[in-house]
Amino acid sequence: MNAITTTTGEQYGVGKIVCVGRNYAAHAKELGNEVPEFPLIFIKPASALIFDGMSIIKPAYSDDMHHEVELVLLIGKNLKNVGPEEAQKGIAGYGVGLDMTLRDVQNELKKKGHPWTIAKCFDTSAAVSDFILSKHCSITPETRISLTVNGVVRQDAPLGLMLFDPAKVVSYISQKMTLEPGDLIFTGTPEGVAKVVPGDILSAKVAGIPELRVKVEAE
């Protein structure tokens, strides 16, 4: 079973991976989507998870795999129907992650009105850094998140551009499903998502959090 290890040695068995879509207005607009009134959530399986230094494998059935850099929250206790204040206390740690998306597959499924799970759930589609405990990390609206591909900046924005901050995201999700220790929450991506191809090196950063560096390979 995958396990999350913090920078100080704590370990959490990975539960569910809950992702938030369109949490930055500019990203919603760059894909031609409406800005949501509440967090849009979807699930990735734990089998999608990989860690720093590993490889993202592009499935052969897609020709348009996109990067999406995101702040990732590690849940440290059971949370059900909690408000933002209690939700904040339930965030055990922070990491940086990549929600990889098969954009061509997603767009085709959306046109048909079908769920687009298979565009998001493939093996290696959820990459995460090591996690730092929340008590050792100060995340503010001014904290920046960024992604480079082969050393070129693709995404760079302050976390304050989130439509729903981490506490609100956790609170909202807890109204819809119980969150448990070891659950991960991907909080959405800023604008600048784009295609990557085998051979690309991706480096994701959030100030104060260990860097995530992965390579893209062909299936």
Protein backbone atom coordinates (compact mmCIF):
# COMPACT_ATOMS: atom_id res chain seq x y z
CA MET A 1 0.00 0.00 0.00
CA ASN A 2 1.18 3.53 -0.75
CA ALA A 3 2.22 5.49 2.31
CA ILE A 4 2.71 9.21 2.79
CA THR A 5 5.83 10.14 4.75
CA THR A 6 6.32 13.61 6.21
CA THR A 7 9.64 15.39 6.40
CA THR A 8 9.82 14.53 10.12
CA GLY A 9 9.11 10.82 9.64
CA GLU A 10 5.38 10.46 10.35
CA GLN A 11 3.61 7.99 8.08
CA TYR A 12 0.03 7.87 6.84
CA GLY A 13 -1.56 5.11 4.79
CA VAL A 14 -3.11 6.67 1.70
CA GLY A 15 -6.89 6.71 1.64
CA LYS A 16 -8.85 8.46 -1.06
CA ILE A 17 -7.56 11.22 -3.31
CA VAL A 18 -10.11 14.01 -3.63
CA CYS A 19 -9.47 16.67 -6.28
CA VAL A 20 -10.96 20.12 -6.78
CA GLY A 21 -11.60 21.40 -10.29
CA ARG A 22 -11.68 25.02 -11.47
CA ASN A 23 -10.49 26.52 -8.18
CA TYR A 24 -8.70 29.34 -9.99
CA ALA A 25 -10.85 31.61 -12.16
CA ALA A 26 -8.18 32.12 -14.83
CA HIS A 27 -7.75 28.36 -15.27
CA ALA A 28 -11.49 27.85 -15.64
CA LYS A 29 -11.56 30.56 -18.30
CA GLU A 30 -8.52 29.25 -20.21
CA LEU A 31 -10.41 25.98 -20.80
CA GLY A 32 -13.66 27.74 -21.66
CA ASN A 33 -15.42 26.66 -18.47
CA GLU A 34 -17.70 28.62 -16.17
CA VAL A 35 -16.30 29.83 -12.85
CA PRO A 36 -18.00 27.59 -10.24
CA GLU A 37 -20.11 28.76 -7.31
CA PHE A 38 -18.85 25.92 -5.10
CA PRO A 39 -15.91 23.48 -5.25
CA LEU A 40 -16.19 20.93 -8.06
CA ILE A 41 -14.83 17.63 -6.80
CA PHE A 42 -13.78 14.33 -8.32
CA ILE A 43 -11.85 11.30 -7.11
CA LYS A 44 -8.62 9.61 -8.13
CA PRO A 45 -7.77 6.10 -6.93
CA ALA A 46 -4.81 5.53 -4.61
CA SER A 47 -3.28 3.43 -7.42
CA ALA A 48 -2.73 6.67 -9.37
CA LEU A 49 -0.23 7.93 -6.79
CA ILE A 50 3.51 8.34 -7.39
CA PHE A 51 6.23 10.24 -5.54
CA ASP A 52 9.19 12.53 -6.10
CA GLY A 53 11.79 11.07 -8.46
CA MET A 54 9.39 8.63 -10.12
CA SER A 55 8.01 8.76 -13.68
CA ILE A 56 4.64 9.75 -15.10
CA ILE A 57 3.68 7.23 -17.78
CA LYS A 58 1.65 8.71 -20.65
CA PRO A 59 -1.04 6.23 -21.73
CA ALA A 60 -0.86 5.17 -25.37
CA TYR A 61 -4.55 6.06 -25.88
CA SER A 62 -3.94 9.80 -25.39
CA ASP A 63 -2.01 12.34 -27.45
CA ASP A 64 -2.65 15.34 -25.20
CA MET A 65 -1.61 14.87 -21.58
CA HIS A 66 -1.60 18.10 -19.55
CA HIS A 67 0.16 19.10 -16.34
CA GLU A 68 -1.76 20.72 -13.48
CA VAL A 69 0.32 21.81 -10.48
CA GLU A 70 -1.56 21.92 -7.17
CA LEU A 71 -1.20 22.44 -3.45
CA VAL A 72 -2.02 19.10 -1.80
CA LEU A 73 -3.47 18.73 1.68
CA LEU A 74 -2.86 15.73 3.94
CA ILE A 75 -5.80 15.02 6.23
CA GLY A 76 -4.85 14.03 9.78
CA LYS A 77 -8.14 13.14 11.47
CA ASN A 78 -11.75 12.19 10.80
CA LEU A 79 -13.75 15.16 9.55
CA LYS A 80 -17.50 15.13 8.95
CA ASN A 81 -19.71 18.20 8.53
CA VAL A 82 -17.08 20.55 9.93
CA GLY A 83 -16.77 24.31 9.51
CA PRO A 84 -13.66 26.04 8.14
CA GLU A 85 -12.03 26.49 11.57
CA GLU A 86 -12.24 22.79 12.43
CA ALA A 87 -11.31 21.91 8.85
CA GLN A 88 -8.10 23.91 9.15
CA LYS A 89 -7.18 21.97 12.30
CA GLY A 90 -7.71 18.73 10.37
CA ILE A 91 -5.00 19.53 7.80
CA ALA A 92 -1.99 17.56 9.05
CA GLY A 93 0.42 18.60 6.32
CA TYR A 94 1.07 20.21 2.96
CA GLY A 95 2.68 18.95 -0.22
CA VAL A 96 2.85 19.95 -3.85
CA GLY A 97 1.41 17.70 -6.51
CA LEU A 98 0.61 17.16 -10.17
CA ASP A 99 -2.89 16.23 -11.33
CA MET A 100 -2.16 14.85 -14.78
CA THR A 101 -5.06 15.05 -17.22
CA LEU A 102 -5.67 13.41 -20.60
CA ARG A 103 -7.22 16.50 -22.14
CA ASP A 104 -8.22 14.91 -25.45
CA VAL A 105 -9.94 12.03 -23.66
CA GLN A 106 -11.63 14.43 -21.23
CA ASN A 107 -12.93 16.73 -23.97
CA GLU A 108 -14.33 13.84 -25.99
CA LEU A 109 -16.16 12.41 -22.97
CA LYS A 110 -17.52 15.84 -21.99
CA LYS A 111 -18.92 16.33 -25.51
CA LYS A 112 -20.91 13.12 -25.10
CA GLY A 113 -22.10 14.05 -21.61
CA HIS A 114 -20.19 11.14 -20.11
CA PRO A 115 -18.20 11.12 -16.85
CA TRP A 116 -14.53 11.88 -17.54
CA THR A 117 -13.04 9.68 -14.83
CA ILE A 118 -10.75 7.80 -17.22
CA ALA A 119 -9.07 11.08 -18.20
CA LYS A 120 -7.99 11.54 -14.59
CA CYS A 121 -7.60 8.13 -12.93
CA PHE A 122 -4.84 6.42 -14.92
CA ASP A 123 -1.76 5.03 -13.16
CA THR A 124 0.83 7.75 -12.30
CA SER A 125 -1.73 10.56 -12.78
CA ALA A 126 -1.28 11.85 -9.21
CA ALA A 127 2.27 12.80 -8.28
CA VAL A 128 3.11 14.23 -4.85
CA SER A 129 6.13 15.58 -3.03
CA ASP A 130 7.12 14.75 0.52
CA PHE A 131 4.77 16.42 2.99
CA ILE A 132 5.65 18.94 5.67
CA LEU A 133 3.54 19.06 8.82
CA SER A 134 1.23 22.05 8.93
CA LYS A 135 2.70 23.17 12.25
CA HIS A 136 6.06 23.55 10.50
CA CYS A 137 4.73 25.36 7.40
CA SER A 138 3.06 28.71 6.93
CA ILE A 139 0.73 28.79 3.93
CA THR A 140 -0.57 32.29 3.17
CA PRO A 141 -2.41 33.91 0.24
CA GLU A 142 0.96 35.31 -0.87
CA THR A 143 2.63 31.88 -1.01
CA ARG A 144 3.42 31.05 -4.64
CA ILE A 145 2.95 27.80 -6.52
CA SER A 146 4.87 27.13 -9.73
CA LEU A 147 5.73 24.52 -12.32
CA THR A 148 8.60 24.36 -14.78
CA VAL A 149 8.89 21.99 -17.73
CA ASN A 150 12.47 21.43 -18.85
CA GLY A 151 13.43 24.53 -16.86
CA VAL A 152 10.83 26.80 -18.49
CA VAL A 153 8.12 28.28 -16.26
CA ARG A 154 4.65 27.15 -17.30
CA GLN A 155 2.58 27.96 -14.19
CA ASP A 156 3.24 30.53 -11.47
CA ALA A 157 0.64 32.15 -9.19
CA PRO A 158 -0.07 33.09 -5.57
CA LEU A 159 -2.29 30.68 -3.67
CA GLY A 160 -4.49 33.65 -2.81
CA LEU A 161 -6.02 33.36 -6.29
CA MET A 162 -7.88 30.23 -5.18
CA LEU A 163 -11.63 30.74 -5.29
CA PHE A 164 -11.94 28.49 -2.22
CA ASP A 165 -9.06 28.41 0.25
CA PRO A 166 -7.88 25.12 1.82
CA ALA A 167 -10.08 25.42 4.92
CA LYS A 168 -13.19 26.08 2.82
CA VAL A 169 -12.33 23.20 0.48
CA VAL A 170 -11.91 20.74 3.35
CA SER A 171 -15.08 21.99 5.06
CA TYR A 172 -17.09 21.62 1.84
CA ILE A 173 -15.82 18.11 1.10
CA SER A 174 -16.58 17.06 4.69
CA GLN A 175 -20.22 17.99 4.06
CA LYS A 176 -20.34 15.49 1.17
CA MET A 177 -18.17 12.61 2.47
CA THR A 178 -16.24 11.73 5.60
CA LEU A 179 -12.57 12.63 5.39
CA GLU A 180 -10.16 10.29 7.14
CA PRO A 181 -6.48 10.29 8.15
CA GLY A 182 -4.32 9.71 5.08
CA ASP A 183 -6.78 11.22 2.61
CA LEU A 184 -5.21 13.65 0.15
CA ILE A 185 -6.89 16.72 -1.31
CA PHE A 186 -5.63 18.31 -4.52
CA THR A 187 -6.82 21.93 -4.31
CA GLY A 188 -6.92 22.96 -7.98
CA THR A 189 -4.49 24.45 -10.48
CA PRO A 190 -3.75 28.00 -11.67
CA GLU A 191 -3.70 28.98 -15.34
CA GLY A 192 -0.98 27.82 -17.70
CA VAL A 193 -1.82 24.13 -18.09
CA ALA A 194 -0.32 22.63 -21.25
CA LYS A 195 0.77 19.48 -23.00
CA VAL A 196 3.77 17.43 -21.93
CA VAL A 197 5.50 14.67 -23.87
CA PRO A 198 7.84 11.78 -23.05
CA GLY A 199 11.26 13.07 -22.06
CA ASP A 200 9.93 16.19 -20.33
CA ILE A 201 11.15 16.95 -16.80
CA LEU A 202 8.55 18.57 -14.53
CA SER A 203 9.48 20.47 -11.38
CA ALA A 204 6.68 21.61 -9.04
CA LYS A 205 7.26 24.03 -6.18
CA VAL A 206 5.40 25.71 -3.34
CA ALA A 207 7.45 27.93 -1.04
CA GLY A 208 8.31 26.10 2.17
CA ILE A 209 7.36 22.66 0.81
CA PRO A 210 9.74 20.02 -0.61
CA GLU A 211 10.06 20.19 -4.40
CA LEU A 212 8.46 17.56 -6.63
CA ARG A 213 10.49 16.49 -9.66
CA VAL A 214 9.29 13.81 -12.10
CA LYS A 215 9.94 12.70 -15.68
CA VAL A 216 7.40 11.87 -18.37
CA GLU A 217 7.81 8.53 -20.14
CA ALA A 218 5.86 6.71 -22.84
CA GLU A 219 3.77 3.65 -22.03
